[in-house]
């Protein structure tokens, strides 16, 4: 979904890129950037090098990336045990939803390793890194914007706490070469990621280790998402660090609360007026949803038809002009985007992905190339791929 000084490996105009430019121009298979400042060639982006990584040599190395490493990064104390304890207990105390198994998991951990979570050995916990994801398509290319997100997905391998998936999100800030007088364009960041498509083997792994070390820091941490089926139905939540660094469960970004908005009353009337006033942007999936219309969690019951958002009462002119308005509003949210044409979990524990995600990666390849050429491609909320399958 669309949610200090730094040292970055800078390959723009590097020996790698320069070696591809001969006396007669760029070599075959490489796109001429054609930018105003003539930054050089832009490689044809390959998602397995520049956008999404499941290489076991990297993902199974705890010195590179792991559950304990990420928890230590995002926790104020640099360890993560105390944060894990409070976070997993929070599943069972939120008013809108109570899930007992995460709390039971950390209770068992305390029984085995002691009551002080700062002494827990997190490195032995049964969480598997299932992928690292580069979301430059989530960039905010506006004044004061950013260049998207770097994410790491994980799955529990505990025999009781599963299916249980976590996604950790980190901001990619706009750096010095990512903006000009007109605002953020992310060309510098995009080129550095795109140029990884020129590498493979040991050279690629070395570059990725450096990029991930720079990208996965506490200063850049945004939030965590959980998708779990420890109790029916499936449930998706987001967890945002508060002023004390504790992870709390805010309303989900870009997820309308269908159950609440389908109920007649003042809020529904206000919502329909808002939909009418913003119909064009909502149909194009470019309009952020106000928090008051969003849900704190979403649930999907397997084998049961999902109740659709009702736009009954919307004026006939708007309904006629935008016949797929309801579907486009719903497609922005995780419950629909992840079920209309995909498995609810798109990166599986065995590190394979849903067909929907494969199509998204193809769209992200082209998007990253555009960014690297200095363009400002438009990305809607929800799926980036052209003509995504709409909900029924």
Protein backbone atom coordinates (compact mmCIF):
# COMPACT_ATOMS: atom_id res chain seq x y z
CA UNK A 1 0.00 0.00 0.00
CA UNK A 2 0.98 3.73 -0.42
CA UNK A 3 2.27 4.75 2.87
CA UNK A 4 21.76 13.42 9.19
CA UNK A 5 24.15 13.31 6.32
CA UNK A 6 24.26 10.00 4.56
CA UNK A 7 26.88 8.08 2.65
CA UNK A 8 25.36 6.34 -0.36
CA UNK A 9 27.12 4.20 -2.96
CA UNK A 10 26.87 6.53 -5.95
CA UNK A 11 27.19 4.77 -9.29
CA UNK A 12 25.86 7.60 -11.45
CA UNK A 13 28.77 8.36 -13.77
CA UNK A 14 30.67 5.53 -12.07
CA UNK A 15 33.16 3.24 -13.75
CA UNK A 16 30.37 0.67 -14.10
CA UNK A 17 28.17 3.08 -16.03
CA UNK A 18 31.02 4.70 -17.96
CA UNK A 19 32.23 1.31 -19.17
CA UNK A 20 28.96 0.91 -21.05
CA UNK A 21 29.45 4.07 -23.09
CA UNK A 22 31.72 3.54 -26.06
CA UNK A 23 32.95 5.95 -28.70
CA UNK A 24 29.83 5.24 -30.75
CA UNK A 25 27.30 5.81 -27.88
CA UNK A 26 25.54 3.48 -25.47
CA UNK A 27 25.68 -0.25 -25.95
CA UNK A 28 22.64 -2.29 -26.95
CA UNK A 29 20.07 -2.94 -24.24
CA UNK A 30 20.81 0.29 -22.34
CA UNK A 31 18.45 3.25 -22.51
CA UNK A 32 19.83 6.72 -23.22
CA UNK A 33 18.84 8.87 -20.26
CA UNK A 34 18.39 12.02 -22.31
CA UNK A 35 18.09 14.16 -19.19
CA UNK A 36 18.79 17.85 -19.19
CA UNK A 37 22.05 17.44 -17.29
CA UNK A 38 23.10 14.43 -19.41
CA UNK A 39 23.65 12.10 -16.47
CA UNK A 40 24.47 9.18 -18.75
CA UNK A 41 22.76 5.94 -19.64
CA UNK A 42 19.95 4.29 -17.70
CA UNK A 43 20.12 0.50 -17.65
CA UNK A 44 17.17 -1.72 -18.43
CA UNK A 45 15.97 -2.45 -14.90
CA UNK A 46 15.78 -6.08 -13.76
CA UNK A 47 13.60 -6.51 -10.69
CA UNK A 48 15.73 -9.28 -9.16
CA UNK A 49 18.69 -6.91 -9.07
CA UNK A 50 17.13 -3.49 -8.46
CA UNK A 51 13.70 -4.00 -6.87
CA UNK A 52 13.09 -7.33 -5.10
CA UNK A 53 15.55 -9.75 -3.58
CA UNK A 54 15.16 -13.31 -2.28
CA UNK A 55 18.79 -14.43 -2.55
CA UNK A 56 19.29 -16.94 0.32
CA UNK A 57 22.98 -16.07 0.55
CA UNK A 58 21.90 -12.63 1.76
CA UNK A 59 18.55 -13.33 3.42
CA UNK A 60 19.85 -16.26 5.48
CA UNK A 61 22.88 -14.34 6.73
CA UNK A 62 21.99 -12.83 10.15
CA UNK A 63 24.82 -10.34 9.79
CA UNK A 64 23.07 -8.91 6.71
CA UNK A 65 19.38 -9.05 7.59
CA UNK A 66 17.32 -10.93 10.17
CA UNK A 67 14.42 -10.51 12.57
CA UNK A 68 16.71 -9.81 15.51
CA UNK A 69 18.76 -7.33 13.48
CA UNK A 70 15.68 -5.37 12.39
CA UNK A 71 14.19 -5.36 15.90
CA UNK A 72 17.48 -4.03 17.21
CA UNK A 73 17.50 -1.33 14.55
CA UNK A 74 13.99 -0.03 15.23
CA UNK A 75 14.14 -0.23 19.04
CA UNK A 76 15.39 2.73 21.05
CA UNK A 77 17.57 0.47 23.21
CA UNK A 78 19.22 -1.21 20.22
CA UNK A 79 18.11 -4.66 21.37
CA UNK A 80 14.40 -4.99 20.61
CA UNK A 81 13.27 -7.41 23.30
CA UNK A 82 11.31 -4.83 25.28
CA UNK A 83 9.73 -3.50 22.08
CA UNK A 84 8.77 -7.01 20.96
CA UNK A 85 7.21 -7.76 24.36
CA UNK A 86 5.02 -4.63 24.40
CA UNK A 87 4.14 -4.96 20.70
CA UNK A 88 2.99 -8.57 20.80
CA UNK A 89 1.03 -8.02 24.02
CA UNK A 90 -0.74 -5.11 22.30
CA UNK A 91 -2.45 -7.56 19.93
CA UNK A 92 -4.61 -8.75 22.81
CA UNK A 93 -5.47 -5.34 24.30
CA UNK A 94 -6.64 -3.19 21.36
CA UNK A 95 -10.34 -2.45 21.75
CA UNK A 96 -11.33 -3.06 18.14
CA UNK A 97 -9.69 -6.50 17.96
CA UNK A 98 -8.10 -8.98 20.34
CA UNK A 99 -5.66 -11.67 19.24
CA UNK A 100 -4.17 -13.84 21.98
CA UNK A 101 -1.45 -15.86 20.21
CA UNK A 102 1.18 -13.11 19.80
CA UNK A 103 0.97 -12.38 23.54
CA UNK A 104 1.17 -16.09 24.28
CA UNK A 105 4.27 -16.31 22.09
CA UNK A 106 6.18 -13.69 24.10
CA UNK A 107 4.84 -15.13 27.38
CA UNK A 108 6.39 -18.47 26.41
CA UNK A 109 9.58 -16.63 25.50
CA UNK A 110 9.65 -15.04 28.96
CA UNK A 111 9.10 -18.45 30.55
CA UNK A 112 12.01 -19.91 28.62
CA UNK A 113 14.48 -16.99 28.77
CA UNK A 114 13.47 -14.97 31.82
CA UNK A 115 11.15 -12.11 32.66
CA UNK A 116 13.55 -9.37 31.49
CA UNK A 117 12.97 -8.95 27.72
CA UNK A 118 16.19 -6.95 27.36
CA UNK A 119 18.01 -10.23 28.01
CA UNK A 120 16.14 -12.31 25.46
CA UNK A 121 18.19 -13.89 22.66
CA UNK A 122 16.18 -12.67 19.69
CA UNK A 123 18.57 -14.23 17.21
CA UNK A 124 17.10 -17.66 17.85
CA UNK A 125 13.48 -16.71 17.28
CA UNK A 126 11.66 -18.54 14.45
CA UNK A 127 11.18 -15.71 11.95
CA UNK A 128 12.35 -16.08 8.36
CA UNK A 129 13.19 -13.18 6.07
CA UNK A 130 11.08 -13.74 2.94
CA UNK A 131 12.20 -10.79 0.84
CA UNK A 132 13.55 -7.26 0.60
CA UNK A 133 11.45 -4.88 -1.47
CA UNK A 134 12.40 -1.54 -3.08
CA UNK A 135 9.34 0.71 -3.43
CA UNK A 136 10.59 3.77 -5.28
CA UNK A 137 7.13 3.88 -6.86
CA UNK A 138 5.88 5.22 -3.52
CA UNK A 139 7.99 8.36 -3.89
CA UNK A 140 6.44 11.74 -3.11
CA UNK A 141 7.94 13.85 -5.89
CA UNK A 142 6.78 17.17 -4.51
CA UNK A 143 8.61 19.94 -2.63
CA UNK A 144 9.84 18.43 0.62
CA UNK A 145 9.03 14.92 -0.62
CA UNK A 146 10.87 11.61 -0.43
CA UNK A 147 11.96 8.77 -2.71
CA UNK A 148 9.78 5.90 -1.56
CA UNK A 149 10.38 3.02 0.81
CA UNK A 150 12.69 0.08 1.42
CA UNK A 151 10.88 -2.87 3.01
CA UNK A 152 11.72 -6.24 4.49
CA UNK A 153 9.12 -9.01 4.84
CA UNK A 154 9.25 -11.85 7.35
CA UNK A 155 7.20 -14.91 8.25
CA UNK A 156 6.91 -16.80 11.52
CA UNK A 157 8.04 -20.42 11.44
CA UNK A 158 6.76 -21.07 14.94
CA UNK A 159 4.36 -24.06 14.83
CA UNK A 160 1.68 -22.10 16.73
CA UNK A 161 2.20 -18.50 15.63
CA UNK A 162 1.33 -18.94 11.97
CA UNK A 163 0.39 -17.86 9.43
CA UNK A 164 1.94 -14.69 10.80
CA UNK A 165 3.71 -12.23 8.48
CA UNK A 166 5.46 -8.93 9.27
CA UNK A 167 6.49 -6.16 6.89
CA UNK A 168 8.91 -3.48 8.16
CA UNK A 169 8.83 -0.20 6.21
CA UNK A 170 11.70 2.31 5.99
CA UNK A 171 11.64 5.71 4.26
CA UNK A 172 14.07 6.54 1.46
CA UNK A 173 14.79 10.25 1.91
CA UNK A 174 15.47 12.58 -0.99
CA UNK A 175 19.22 13.24 -1.12
CA UNK A 176 21.16 16.14 -2.59
CA UNK A 177 20.89 14.90 -6.18
CA UNK A 178 17.20 14.00 -5.87
CA UNK A 179 15.75 17.49 -6.20
CA UNK A 180 16.08 20.80 -7.98
CA UNK A 181 14.30 24.15 -7.93
CA UNK A 182 11.11 22.47 -9.16
CA UNK A 183 11.05 19.96 -6.31
CA UNK A 184 11.91 16.31 -5.71
CA UNK A 185 12.48 14.10 -8.78
CA UNK A 186 14.43 11.22 -7.14
CA UNK A 187 16.71 10.86 -10.15
CA UNK A 188 19.82 10.28 -8.04
CA UNK A 189 18.30 7.58 -5.84
CA UNK A 190 16.58 5.98 -8.82
CA UNK A 191 19.79 5.83 -10.85
CA UNK A 192 21.69 4.21 -8.02
CA UNK A 193 19.05 1.50 -7.73
CA UNK A 194 18.71 1.10 -11.51
CA UNK A 195 22.45 0.66 -11.95
CA UNK A 196 22.37 -2.41 -9.71
CA UNK A 197 20.85 -4.14 -12.74
CA UNK A 198 24.33 -3.97 -14.29
CA UNK A 199 25.73 -6.18 -11.52
CA UNK A 200 25.42 -9.82 -10.56
CA UNK A 201 27.01 -12.41 -8.31
CA UNK A 202 29.42 -11.22 -5.63
CA UNK A 203 29.44 -7.63 -6.92
CA UNK A 204 25.66 -7.38 -6.59
CA UNK A 205 25.67 -8.91 -3.12
CA UNK A 206 28.36 -6.50 -1.93
CA UNK A 207 26.40 -3.56 -3.28
CA UNK A 208 23.15 -4.75 -1.69
CA UNK A 209 24.77 -5.22 1.70
CA UNK A 210 25.90 -1.60 1.60
CA UNK A 211 22.53 -0.32 0.39
CA UNK A 212 20.59 -2.24 3.04
CA UNK A 213 22.92 -1.10 5.81
CA UNK A 214 22.22 2.48 4.74
CA UNK A 215 18.51 1.92 4.27
CA UNK A 216 17.55 -0.06 7.36
CA UNK A 217 18.20 2.43 10.15
CA UNK A 218 16.15 3.62 13.10
CA UNK A 219 16.04 7.15 11.70
CA UNK A 220 14.38 5.88 8.54
CA UNK A 221 11.92 3.46 10.18
CA UNK A 222 8.30 4.28 9.36
CA UNK A 223 6.06 1.51 10.65
CA UNK A 224 5.39 -2.21 10.64
CA UNK A 225 2.50 -4.15 9.13
CA UNK A 226 1.21 -7.53 10.26
CA UNK A 227 -0.90 -9.98 8.29
CA UNK A 228 -1.93 -13.00 10.31
CA UNK A 229 -4.37 -15.86 10.60
CA UNK A 230 -3.66 -16.92 14.18
CA UNK A 231 -7.40 -16.59 14.70
CA UNK A 232 -10.02 -16.56 11.94
CA UNK A 233 -10.42 -14.43 9.92
CA UNK A 234 -7.23 -13.05 8.35
CA UNK A 235 -6.35 -9.67 9.85
CA UNK A 236 -4.14 -6.85 8.58
CA UNK A 237 -2.86 -4.08 10.84
CA UNK A 238 -0.28 -1.31 10.79
CA UNK A 239 1.91 -0.47 13.80
CA UNK A 240 3.28 3.05 14.13
CA UNK A 241 5.93 4.07 16.68
CA UNK A 242 4.56 6.65 19.12
CA UNK A 243 6.51 9.36 20.94
CA UNK A 244 7.86 6.75 23.35
CA UNK A 245 8.91 4.36 20.58
CA UNK A 246 6.13 1.88 21.39
CA UNK A 247 4.29 0.42 18.39
CA UNK A 248 0.61 1.38 18.35
CA UNK A 249 -2.21 0.39 15.97
CA UNK A 250 -3.48 3.48 14.07
CA UNK A 251 -6.10 3.52 11.31
CA UNK A 252 -4.75 1.83 8.19
CA UNK A 253 -3.54 4.12 5.44
CA UNK A 254 -5.91 4.18 2.43
CA UNK A 255 -8.32 1.57 3.80
CA UNK A 256 -11.95 2.63 4.06
CA UNK A 257 -13.94 1.18 6.95
CA UNK A 258 -16.68 -0.49 4.92
CA UNK A 259 -18.65 -1.74 7.91
CA UNK A 260 -18.76 1.73 9.47
CA UNK A 261 -19.43 3.66 6.26
CA UNK A 262 -22.22 1.36 5.11
CA UNK A 263 -24.30 2.32 8.16
CA UNK A 264 -26.85 5.09 7.60
CA UNK A 265 -26.12 8.26 9.53
CA UNK A 266 -24.20 11.51 9.59
CA UNK A 267 -20.79 9.95 8.86
CA UNK A 268 -22.10 8.11 5.82
CA UNK A 269 -23.83 11.23 4.51
CA UNK A 270 -20.61 13.19 4.93
CA UNK A 271 -18.64 10.42 3.20
CA UNK A 272 -20.95 10.39 0.16
CA UNK A 273 -20.60 14.16 -0.15
CA UNK A 274 -16.82 13.79 0.02
CA UNK A 275 -16.92 11.07 -2.66
CA UNK A 276 -19.03 13.29 -4.92
CA UNK A 277 -16.70 16.28 -4.48
CA UNK A 278 -13.58 14.18 -5.18
CA UNK A 279 -14.94 11.58 -7.60
CA UNK A 280 -12.44 12.21 -10.40
CA UNK A 281 -9.41 11.85 -8.10
CA UNK A 282 -10.92 8.83 -6.35
CA UNK A 283 -11.63 7.12 -9.68
CA UNK A 284 -7.98 7.73 -10.66
CA UNK A 285 -6.82 6.46 -7.23
CA UNK A 286 -4.90 9.66 -6.46
CA UNK A 287 -6.91 10.91 -3.45
CA UNK A 288 -5.76 10.22 0.13
CA UNK A 289 -8.51 9.04 2.47
CA UNK A 290 -9.15 11.10 5.62
CA UNK A 291 -8.44 9.15 8.81
CA UNK A 292 -12.05 9.32 9.97
CA UNK A 293 -13.10 7.10 7.04
CA UNK A 294 -10.39 4.49 7.62
CA UNK A 295 -10.34 1.22 9.58
CA UNK A 296 -7.85 0.25 12.28
CA UNK A 297 -7.68 -3.26 10.93
CA UNK A 298 -9.16 -5.21 8.06
CA UNK A 299 -10.33 -8.78 8.08
CA UNK A 300 -10.84 -11.28 5.29
CA UNK A 301 -12.78 -14.50 5.81
CA UNK A 302 -11.71 -17.18 3.38
CA UNK A 303 -14.53 -18.59 1.30
CA UNK A 304 -16.99 -15.87 2.31
CA UNK A 305 -18.02 -13.08 -0.05
CA UNK A 306 -16.65 -9.72 1.04
CA UNK A 307 -19.31 -7.07 1.76
CA UNK A 308 -18.75 -4.31 -0.80
CA UNK A 309 -18.69 -0.61 -0.04
CA UNK A 310 -22.14 0.85 -0.70
CA UNK A 311 -22.38 4.09 -2.67
CA UNK A 312 -26.17 3.99 -2.69
CA UNK A 313 -27.43 7.54 -2.49
CA UNK A 314 -24.60 9.01 -4.54
CA UNK A 315 -26.02 11.41 -7.07
CA UNK A 316 -26.86 9.85 -10.43
CA UNK A 317 -24.63 12.17 -12.44
CA UNK A 318 -21.50 11.17 -10.51
CA UNK A 319 -22.43 7.48 -10.59
CA UNK A 320 -22.94 7.62 -14.35
CA UNK A 321 -19.75 9.56 -15.02
CA UNK A 322 -17.62 7.18 -12.93
CA UNK A 323 -19.19 3.71 -13.26
CA UNK A 324 -16.23 1.96 -11.54
CA UNK A 325 -15.90 4.47 -8.71
CA UNK A 326 -16.72 2.00 -5.94
CA UNK A 327 -14.24 -0.59 -7.27
CA UNK A 328 -11.43 1.97 -7.57
CA UNK A 329 -12.00 3.20 -4.01
CA UNK A 330 -11.93 -0.36 -2.72
CA UNK A 331 -8.88 -1.39 -4.81
CA UNK A 332 -6.72 1.05 -2.87
CA UNK A 333 -7.25 -0.96 0.34
CA UNK A 334 -5.26 -4.02 1.27
CA UNK A 335 -8.22 -6.35 1.70
CA UNK A 336 -9.30 -5.91 -1.91
CA UNK A 337 -5.96 -5.30 -3.61
CA UNK A 338 -4.65 -8.50 -2.04
CA UNK A 339 -7.64 -10.65 -2.92
CA UNK A 340 -9.03 -9.41 -6.26
CA UNK A 341 -6.20 -11.04 -8.24
CA UNK A 342 -3.77 -12.41 -5.65
CA UNK A 343 -3.21 -14.47 -2.56
CA UNK A 344 -3.79 -12.45 0.60
CA UNK A 345 -0.06 -12.85 1.33
CA UNK A 346 1.93 -12.04 -1.79
CA UNK A 347 5.42 -13.00 -0.58
CA UNK A 348 5.18 -16.54 0.73
CA UNK A 349 7.32 -18.26 3.39
CA UNK A 350 9.13 -20.21 0.66
CA UNK A 351 10.06 -16.86 -0.98
CA UNK A 352 7.85 -17.36 -4.01
CA UNK A 353 5.36 -14.64 -4.91
CA UNK A 354 1.84 -14.36 -6.23
CA UNK A 355 1.27 -13.77 -9.93
CA UNK A 356 -0.18 -10.37 -9.04
CA UNK A 357 3.16 -9.41 -7.47
CA UNK A 358 5.04 -10.56 -10.57
CA UNK A 359 2.93 -8.15 -12.64
CA UNK A 360 3.57 -5.38 -10.15
CA UNK A 361 7.32 -5.91 -10.41
CA UNK A 362 7.19 -5.53 -14.18
CA UNK A 363 5.39 -2.21 -13.77
CA UNK A 364 7.90 -1.09 -11.14
CA UNK A 365 10.80 -1.84 -13.48
CA UNK A 366 9.49 0.63 -16.03
CA UNK A 367 8.65 3.14 -13.31
CA UNK A 368 12.20 3.04 -11.91
CA UNK A 369 13.62 3.59 -15.40
CA UNK A 370 11.45 6.68 -15.77
CA UNK A 371 12.59 8.02 -12.42
CA UNK A 372 16.22 7.39 -13.31
CA UNK A 373 15.77 9.41 -16.52
CA UNK A 374 14.68 12.36 -14.44
CA UNK A 375 10.99 12.08 -15.26
CA UNK A 376 8.23 12.33 -12.65
CA UNK A 377 5.99 9.37 -13.45
CA UNK A 378 2.59 9.33 -11.78
CA UNK A 379 1.76 6.41 -9.53
CA UNK A 380 -1.76 5.84 -8.23
CA UNK A 381 -2.58 4.46 -4.82
CA UNK A 382 -2.98 0.70 -5.02
CA UNK A 383 -1.71 -1.40 -7.94
CA UNK A 384 0.84 0.15 -10.30
CA UNK A 385 0.22 -2.32 -13.14
CA UNK A 386 -1.98 -1.21 -16.02
CA UNK A 387 -5.54 -2.58 -16.04
CA UNK A 388 -5.51 -4.36 -12.67
CA UNK A 389 -8.31 -6.80 -11.96
CA UNK A 390 -11.09 -4.90 -10.23
CA UNK A 391 -13.13 -6.32 -7.34
CA UNK A 392 -16.60 -7.68 -7.98
